[in-house]
């Protein structure tokens, strides 16, 4: 579990770094952060007390750093919806915990990314007065967004989060498999090690 925890922490450090670099001209990094995958994989693999606490606490810490830098509030309705969406993605991970593998988690990662994107963008459409409250306004929120917030269209946010979620899920499962394989090897070695002479 230690390699997987380190991977989660690395992803959060990466999110903070890219969040601080985006306004320095690195707009192609927009949303290239595996938030949904962290929630999915943590819920699928971590012990019960860490399933939701690890992803939500790490997200909160990264939000605190980024929001402090840009003078944004730490809690607002959009952020609360983001946490709720991640908790929902985590529920998918809990459902898969007894058969977690690349075969189940990679498709679940796509579903989680799409779910997170749809929920957060639909909430933006409902809450932001800049969007027309009709079907075309919803389509705008899911495709191009509002230009005053970012030069990056929202479909690119989705593409970047989808790619980063898939990559993180792949790395996470590999880390867990390597860790479990080492534990099994260590257990076998200790079983066959001769007892020290007394």
Protein backbone atom coordinates (compact mmCIF):
# COMPACT_ATOMS: atom_id res chain seq x y z
CA UNK A 1 0.00 0.00 0.00
CA UNK A 2 2.96 2.35 0.61
CA UNK A 3 3.84 2.68 -3.13
CA UNK A 4 0.18 3.48 -3.90
CA UNK A 5 0.05 6.12 -1.14
CA UNK A 6 3.22 7.69 -2.53
CA UNK A 7 1.61 7.71 -5.97
CA UNK A 8 -1.45 9.52 -4.57
CA UNK A 9 0.79 12.10 -2.88
CA UNK A 10 2.79 12.54 -6.10
CA UNK A 11 -0.42 13.13 -8.04
CA UNK A 12 -1.49 15.79 -5.55
CA UNK A 13 1.91 17.53 -5.72
CA UNK A 14 1.61 17.39 -9.50
CA UNK A 15 -1.90 18.91 -9.32
CA UNK A 16 -0.66 21.78 -7.16
CA UNK A 17 2.31 22.39 -9.45
CA UNK A 18 0.24 22.44 -12.62
CA UNK A 19 -2.44 24.53 -10.92
CA UNK A 20 0.18 27.15 -10.18
CA UNK A 21 1.75 26.94 -13.66
CA UNK A 22 -1.43 27.24 -15.74
CA UNK A 23 -1.55 31.03 -15.44
CA UNK A 24 2.11 31.16 -16.44
CA UNK A 25 1.20 30.07 -19.96
CA UNK A 26 0.97 26.27 -19.53
CA UNK A 27 -2.75 26.14 -20.40
CA UNK A 28 -2.32 22.74 -22.10
CA UNK A 29 -1.95 21.34 -18.54
CA UNK A 30 -5.49 22.43 -17.65
CA UNK A 31 -7.19 19.70 -15.65
CA UNK A 32 -4.47 17.14 -16.34
CA UNK A 33 -4.98 15.87 -12.80
CA UNK A 34 -6.33 12.41 -11.96
CA UNK A 35 -8.88 13.40 -9.32
CA UNK A 36 -11.50 10.81 -10.29
CA UNK A 37 -8.87 8.07 -10.55
CA UNK A 38 -7.53 8.85 -7.07
CA UNK A 39 -11.05 8.51 -5.67
CA UNK A 40 -11.75 5.33 -7.66
CA UNK A 41 -8.50 3.51 -6.90
CA UNK A 42 -8.32 4.53 -3.24
CA UNK A 43 -11.84 3.20 -2.68
CA UNK A 44 -11.08 -0.02 -4.56
CA UNK A 45 -7.81 -0.88 -2.82
CA UNK A 46 -7.27 0.97 0.45
CA UNK A 47 -8.44 -0.30 3.87
CA UNK A 48 -11.86 0.89 4.97
CA UNK A 49 -10.73 3.92 7.00
CA UNK A 50 -8.63 5.27 4.09
CA UNK A 51 -11.02 4.63 1.19
CA UNK A 52 -12.59 8.09 1.22
CA UNK A 53 -10.37 9.99 3.65
CA UNK A 54 -7.17 9.76 1.56
CA UNK A 55 -8.59 11.17 -1.70
CA UNK A 56 -10.77 13.84 -0.06
CA UNK A 57 -8.09 15.05 2.38
CA UNK A 58 -5.43 15.19 -0.34
CA UNK A 59 -7.83 17.06 -2.62
CA UNK A 60 -8.64 19.48 0.20
CA UNK A 61 -4.94 20.17 0.81
CA UNK A 62 -4.26 20.79 -2.88
CA UNK A 63 -7.37 23.00 -3.11
CA UNK A 64 -6.18 24.98 -0.10
CA UNK A 65 -2.78 25.67 -1.71
CA UNK A 66 -4.17 26.55 -5.15
CA UNK A 67 -7.08 28.64 -3.86
CA UNK A 68 -4.81 30.54 -1.47
CA UNK A 69 -2.49 31.38 -4.38
CA UNK A 70 -5.36 32.78 -6.48
CA UNK A 71 -7.38 34.29 -3.64
CA UNK A 72 -10.36 31.96 -4.27
CA UNK A 73 -12.64 30.78 -1.44
CA UNK A 74 -11.83 27.36 -0.01
CA UNK A 75 -15.47 26.33 0.21
CA UNK A 76 -18.20 27.31 -2.20
CA UNK A 77 -21.06 25.36 -3.80
CA UNK A 78 -18.92 24.36 -6.82
CA UNK A 79 -16.24 22.86 -4.57
CA UNK A 80 -18.84 21.01 -2.47
CA UNK A 81 -20.31 19.52 -5.66
CA UNK A 82 -16.81 18.50 -6.78
CA UNK A 83 -16.26 16.62 -3.49
CA UNK A 84 -19.68 14.97 -3.77
CA UNK A 85 -18.90 13.87 -7.34
CA UNK A 86 -15.59 12.38 -6.20
CA UNK A 87 -17.35 10.54 -3.36
CA UNK A 88 -19.76 9.11 -5.95
CA UNK A 89 -16.80 7.93 -8.07
CA UNK A 90 -15.38 6.41 -4.89
CA UNK A 91 -18.59 4.41 -4.50
CA UNK A 92 -17.84 2.79 -7.89
CA UNK A 93 -14.43 1.81 -6.47
CA UNK A 94 -16.08 0.28 -3.40
CA UNK A 95 -18.34 -1.80 -5.66
CA UNK A 96 -15.24 -3.11 -7.46
CA UNK A 97 -13.03 -3.69 -4.41
CA UNK A 98 -13.37 -7.48 -4.48
CA UNK A 99 -12.50 -7.73 -8.17
CA UNK A 100 -10.17 -4.77 -8.64
CA UNK A 101 -7.90 -5.23 -11.64
CA UNK A 102 -6.96 -3.40 -14.82
CA UNK A 103 -9.82 -5.18 -16.57
CA UNK A 104 -12.41 -3.67 -14.22
CA UNK A 105 -10.77 -0.39 -13.18
CA UNK A 106 -9.78 1.01 -16.58
CA UNK A 107 -13.41 1.02 -17.84
CA UNK A 108 -14.52 2.27 -14.41
CA UNK A 109 -11.97 5.08 -14.73
CA UNK A 110 -13.62 6.21 -17.98
CA UNK A 111 -17.05 6.08 -16.32
CA UNK A 112 -15.71 7.96 -13.28
CA UNK A 113 -14.14 10.69 -15.42
CA UNK A 114 -17.32 11.13 -17.43
CA UNK A 115 -19.48 11.17 -14.30
CA UNK A 116 -17.28 13.74 -12.56
CA UNK A 117 -17.22 15.92 -15.68
CA UNK A 118 -20.96 15.71 -16.28
CA UNK A 119 -21.88 16.48 -12.65
CA UNK A 120 -19.50 19.41 -12.19
CA UNK A 121 -20.26 20.99 -15.56
CA UNK A 122 -24.01 20.54 -15.20
CA UNK A 123 -23.79 22.27 -11.82
CA UNK A 124 -21.83 25.13 -13.41
CA UNK A 125 -24.56 25.43 -16.02
CA UNK A 126 -27.24 25.60 -13.33
CA UNK A 127 -25.40 27.96 -10.99
CA UNK A 128 -23.59 30.37 -13.30
CA UNK A 129 -25.74 33.20 -14.69
CA UNK A 130 -23.48 33.35 -17.75
CA UNK A 131 -25.10 30.20 -19.15
CA UNK A 132 -28.54 30.25 -20.79
CA UNK A 133 -30.81 27.95 -18.80
CA UNK A 134 -31.77 25.80 -21.76
CA UNK A 135 -30.34 22.84 -23.66
CA UNK A 136 -27.93 24.99 -25.68
CA UNK A 137 -26.58 26.47 -22.44
CA UNK A 138 -25.99 22.95 -21.10
CA UNK A 139 -24.21 21.99 -24.33
CA UNK A 140 -22.07 25.14 -24.03
CA UNK A 141 -21.07 24.20 -20.47
CA UNK A 142 -20.07 20.71 -21.63
CA UNK A 143 -18.16 21.78 -24.74
CA UNK A 144 -16.68 25.29 -24.70
CA UNK A 145 -17.56 26.74 -21.30
CA UNK A 146 -17.47 30.47 -20.62
CA UNK A 147 -14.52 32.29 -22.20
CA UNK A 148 -14.07 34.67 -19.26
CA UNK A 149 -12.98 31.80 -17.00
CA UNK A 150 -10.43 30.09 -19.22
CA UNK A 151 -9.03 30.13 -22.73
CA UNK A 152 -9.23 26.33 -22.58
CA UNK A 153 -12.60 24.94 -23.72
CA UNK A 154 -14.31 22.58 -21.29
CA UNK A 155 -14.13 19.61 -23.69
CA UNK A 156 -10.32 19.88 -23.39
CA UNK A 157 -10.65 19.79 -19.60
CA UNK A 158 -12.54 16.52 -20.01
CA UNK A 159 -10.01 15.09 -22.46
CA UNK A 160 -7.11 15.95 -20.14
CA UNK A 161 -8.80 14.55 -17.04
CA UNK A 162 -9.78 11.37 -18.92
CA UNK A 163 -6.20 10.75 -20.10
CA UNK A 164 -4.71 11.54 -16.68
CA UNK A 165 -7.29 9.33 -14.93
CA UNK A 166 -6.51 6.39 -17.21
CA UNK A 167 -2.74 6.80 -16.75
CA UNK A 168 -3.05 7.13 -12.97
CA UNK A 169 -5.34 4.08 -12.76
CA UNK A 170 -2.82 2.06 -14.77
CA UNK A 171 0.09 3.15 -12.53
CA UNK A 172 -1.95 2.63 -9.36
CA UNK A 173 -2.95 -0.94 -10.24
CA UNK A 174 0.63 -1.75 -11.23
CA UNK A 175 1.89 -0.32 -7.89
CA UNK A 176 -0.64 -2.39 -5.95
CA UNK A 177 0.21 -5.57 -7.90
CA UNK A 178 3.96 -5.05 -7.39
CA UNK A 179 3.43 -4.39 -3.67
CA UNK A 180 1.24 -7.48 -3.24
CA UNK A 181 3.72 -9.60 -5.20
CA UNK A 182 6.58 -8.47 -2.94
CA UNK A 183 4.53 -9.19 0.18
CA UNK A 184 3.75 -12.71 -1.07
CA UNK A 185 7.43 -13.30 -1.93
CA UNK A 186 8.47 -12.05 1.52
CA UNK A 187 5.90 -14.28 3.22
CA UNK A 188 7.08 -17.34 1.25
CA UNK A 189 10.72 -16.60 2.02
CA UNK A 190 10.05 -16.26 5.76
CA UNK A 191 8.05 -19.51 5.74
CA UNK A 192 10.97 -21.48 4.30
CA UNK A 193 13.73 -19.71 6.23
CA UNK A 194 15.29 -22.16 8.72
CA UNK A 195 14.85 -21.26 12.37
CA UNK A 196 17.96 -19.94 14.10
CA UNK A 197 19.75 -22.46 16.26
CA UNK A 198 18.92 -22.00 19.92
